[in-house]
């Protein structure tokens, strides 16, 4: 790949269930429901991972961390993010910026956005100004609006070193 810039798009959605922790961007959010998944089900980090992999046409998160592999059972998604960063670095690219939107009816996330941004920036070794995290509701519509799931859309721009 010789392109100076590459852009990737990522998306993930997980169902909310009793008995699980709610983890977004590596931060535990106090809530009576958590996201169901093989790993910690951090939809924000999963969407960012897919966006990074997509930018370089490297496949998707399931290719590298299949849910059938017991090694990834309940794993902290920040660990997966760091492994994908190594793939990006091996291709001689770096992150220019990340833009993400969390779709969640509940809980309200505005009080956690700054902590999430700080944690993501720290985990990726980039300036916090390069990480955008926004949250929106679905106005009561669909699975997300009914409070049964949380989804994330993420876009990542990479630059060749």
Protein backbone atom coordinates (compact mmCIF):
# COMPACT_ATOMS: atom_id res chain seq x y z
CA UNK A 1 0.00 0.00 0.00
CA UNK A 2 1.48 3.26 -1.10
CA UNK A 3 -1.40 5.60 -0.31
CA UNK A 4 -0.54 8.39 2.10
CA UNK A 5 -3.97 8.29 3.76
CA UNK A 6 -6.42 5.44 4.34
CA UNK A 7 -9.91 5.67 5.87
CA UNK A 8 -11.80 2.83 7.54
CA UNK A 9 -15.34 2.43 8.80
CA UNK A 10 -16.32 0.18 11.70
CA UNK A 11 -19.61 -0.88 13.26
CA UNK A 12 -20.56 -3.13 16.14
CA UNK A 13 -23.69 -3.90 18.13
CA UNK A 14 -24.22 -6.03 21.25
CA UNK A 15 -27.30 -6.97 23.23
CA UNK A 16 -27.68 -5.72 26.82
CA UNK A 17 -28.12 -8.48 29.42
CA UNK A 18 -28.29 -8.93 33.18
CA UNK A 19 -25.15 -10.21 34.90
CA UNK A 20 -22.64 -8.49 32.61
CA UNK A 21 -20.50 -5.39 33.11
CA UNK A 22 -21.04 -2.44 30.78
CA UNK A 23 -17.64 -1.58 29.31
CA UNK A 24 -17.26 1.23 26.75
CA UNK A 25 -13.84 2.39 25.58
CA UNK A 26 -12.25 0.31 28.32
CA UNK A 27 -14.20 2.15 31.04
CA UNK A 28 -16.75 0.40 33.26
CA UNK A 29 -20.03 2.31 33.23
CA UNK A 30 -22.26 1.77 36.27
CA UNK A 31 -25.49 0.20 34.98
CA UNK A 32 -27.66 -2.79 35.85
CA UNK A 33 -27.16 -4.30 32.38
CA UNK A 34 -24.00 -5.09 30.44
CA UNK A 35 -23.12 -6.05 26.90
CA UNK A 36 -23.26 -9.71 25.93
CA UNK A 37 -20.33 -11.11 23.97
CA UNK A 38 -17.45 -13.55 23.93
CA UNK A 39 -14.96 -10.91 25.10
CA UNK A 40 -15.88 -8.00 27.38
CA UNK A 41 -18.17 -6.95 24.48
CA UNK A 42 -16.80 -3.38 24.35
CA UNK A 43 -18.68 -2.24 21.23
CA UNK A 44 -16.74 1.02 21.04
CA UNK A 45 -13.33 -0.63 20.89
CA UNK A 46 -14.65 -3.32 18.54
CA UNK A 47 -15.94 -0.71 16.08
CA UNK A 48 -12.61 1.16 16.23
CA UNK A 49 -10.71 -2.09 15.62
CA UNK A 50 -12.86 -2.86 12.58
CA UNK A 51 -12.34 0.67 11.26
CA UNK A 52 -8.54 0.36 11.61
CA UNK A 53 -8.48 -3.06 9.97
CA UNK A 54 -10.82 -1.86 7.22
CA UNK A 55 -8.63 1.16 6.43
CA UNK A 56 -5.81 -1.19 5.45
CA UNK A 57 -8.03 -3.94 3.96
CA UNK A 58 -6.87 -6.39 6.62
CA UNK A 59 -10.26 -8.01 7.26
CA UNK A 60 -12.34 -7.68 10.40
CA UNK A 61 -12.13 -8.31 14.13
CA UNK A 62 -13.43 -11.88 13.79
CA UNK A 63 -10.53 -12.81 11.54
CA UNK A 64 -7.99 -12.01 14.26
CA UNK A 65 -10.02 -12.71 17.41
CA UNK A 66 -12.66 -15.34 16.57
CA UNK A 67 -15.42 -15.85 19.13
CA UNK A 68 -14.81 -19.58 18.88
CA UNK A 69 -11.31 -19.18 20.37
CA UNK A 70 -11.32 -19.68 24.17
CA UNK A 71 -8.22 -17.45 24.44
CA UNK A 72 -10.48 -14.43 23.93
CA UNK A 73 -13.24 -15.42 26.38
CA UNK A 74 -13.99 -12.36 28.56
CA UNK A 75 -10.75 -10.66 27.39
CA UNK A 76 -10.32 -6.93 27.92
CA UNK A 77 -10.86 -5.42 24.46
CA UNK A 78 -8.10 -2.90 25.14
CA UNK A 79 -5.68 -5.82 24.75
CA UNK A 80 -7.19 -6.58 21.34
CA UNK A 81 -6.92 -2.92 20.37
CA UNK A 82 -3.20 -2.90 21.19
CA UNK A 83 -2.67 -6.03 19.07
CA UNK A 84 -4.38 -4.36 16.11
CA UNK A 85 -2.26 -1.23 16.62
CA UNK A 86 0.79 -3.47 16.14
CA UNK A 87 -0.64 -4.61 12.79
CA UNK A 88 -1.16 -0.99 11.77
CA UNK A 89 2.40 -0.12 12.77
CA UNK A 90 3.72 -3.14 10.86
CA UNK A 91 2.08 -1.67 7.73
CA UNK A 92 3.93 1.60 8.57
CA UNK A 93 0.77 3.61 9.29
CA UNK A 94 -0.25 5.77 12.23
CA UNK A 95 -3.59 7.11 13.44
CA UNK A 96 -4.52 10.60 12.26
CA UNK A 97 -7.88 10.65 14.04
CA UNK A 98 -10.83 8.58 15.18
CA UNK A 99 -14.47 9.66 15.16
CA UNK A 100 -17.10 7.51 16.86
CA UNK A 101 -20.77 7.61 17.77
CA UNK A 102 -22.24 5.45 20.52
CA UNK A 103 -25.95 4.73 20.04
CA UNK A 104 -27.52 3.99 23.44
CA UNK A 105 -30.88 4.89 24.91
CA UNK A 106 -29.64 4.19 28.44
CA UNK A 107 -27.57 4.80 30.42
CA UNK A 108 -26.84 8.44 29.70
CA UNK A 109 -23.16 8.62 28.77
CA UNK A 110 -22.36 12.35 28.75
CA UNK A 111 -20.64 12.15 32.15
CA UNK A 112 -18.32 9.39 30.92
CA UNK A 113 -17.24 10.67 27.50
CA UNK A 114 -14.11 12.46 28.71
CA UNK A 115 -12.90 9.42 30.68
CA UNK A 116 -13.55 7.19 27.67
CA UNK A 117 -11.59 9.52 25.37
CA UNK A 118 -8.69 9.71 27.83
CA UNK A 119 -8.59 5.94 28.22
CA UNK A 120 -8.70 5.28 24.46
CA UNK A 121 -5.98 7.85 23.76
CA UNK A 122 -3.77 6.37 26.48
CA UNK A 123 -4.31 2.81 25.23
CA UNK A 124 -3.38 3.82 21.68
CA UNK A 125 -0.54 6.15 22.65
CA UNK A 126 -2.05 9.14 20.82
CA UNK A 127 -3.14 12.65 21.82
CA UNK A 128 -6.66 12.88 23.19
CA UNK A 129 -7.47 15.52 20.55
CA UNK A 130 -7.26 12.77 17.95
CA UNK A 131 -10.11 10.81 19.56
CA UNK A 132 -13.74 11.86 19.16
CA UNK A 133 -16.44 10.02 21.08
CA UNK A 134 -20.05 11.12 20.86
CA UNK A 135 -23.24 9.55 22.19
CA UNK A 136 -26.79 9.71 20.92
CA UNK A 137 -30.11 8.03 21.57
CA UNK A 138 -32.39 6.38 19.03
CA UNK A 139 -35.44 8.32 20.22
CA UNK A 140 -37.04 5.11 21.47
CA UNK A 141 -36.87 3.39 18.07
CA UNK A 142 -35.75 -0.19 17.44
CA UNK A 143 -33.69 -2.53 19.62
CA UNK A 144 -31.38 0.26 20.72
CA UNK A 145 -34.21 2.68 21.43
CA UNK A 146 -35.95 0.03 23.51
CA UNK A 147 -32.80 -0.25 25.65
CA UNK A 148 -32.01 -3.78 24.49
CA UNK A 149 -28.70 -3.07 22.71
CA UNK A 150 -25.88 -0.58 22.20
CA UNK A 151 -24.22 0.06 18.84
CA UNK A 152 -21.23 2.10 17.70
CA UNK A 153 -20.15 3.57 14.36
CA UNK A 154 -16.48 4.52 14.06
CA UNK A 155 -14.31 6.07 11.36
CA UNK A 156 -10.52 6.04 11.46
CA UNK A 157 -8.05 7.92 9.28
CA UNK A 158 -4.55 6.49 9.00
CA UNK A 159 -1.44 8.13 7.55
CA UNK A 160 1.60 6.44 6.06
CA UNK A 161 4.75 7.23 8.08
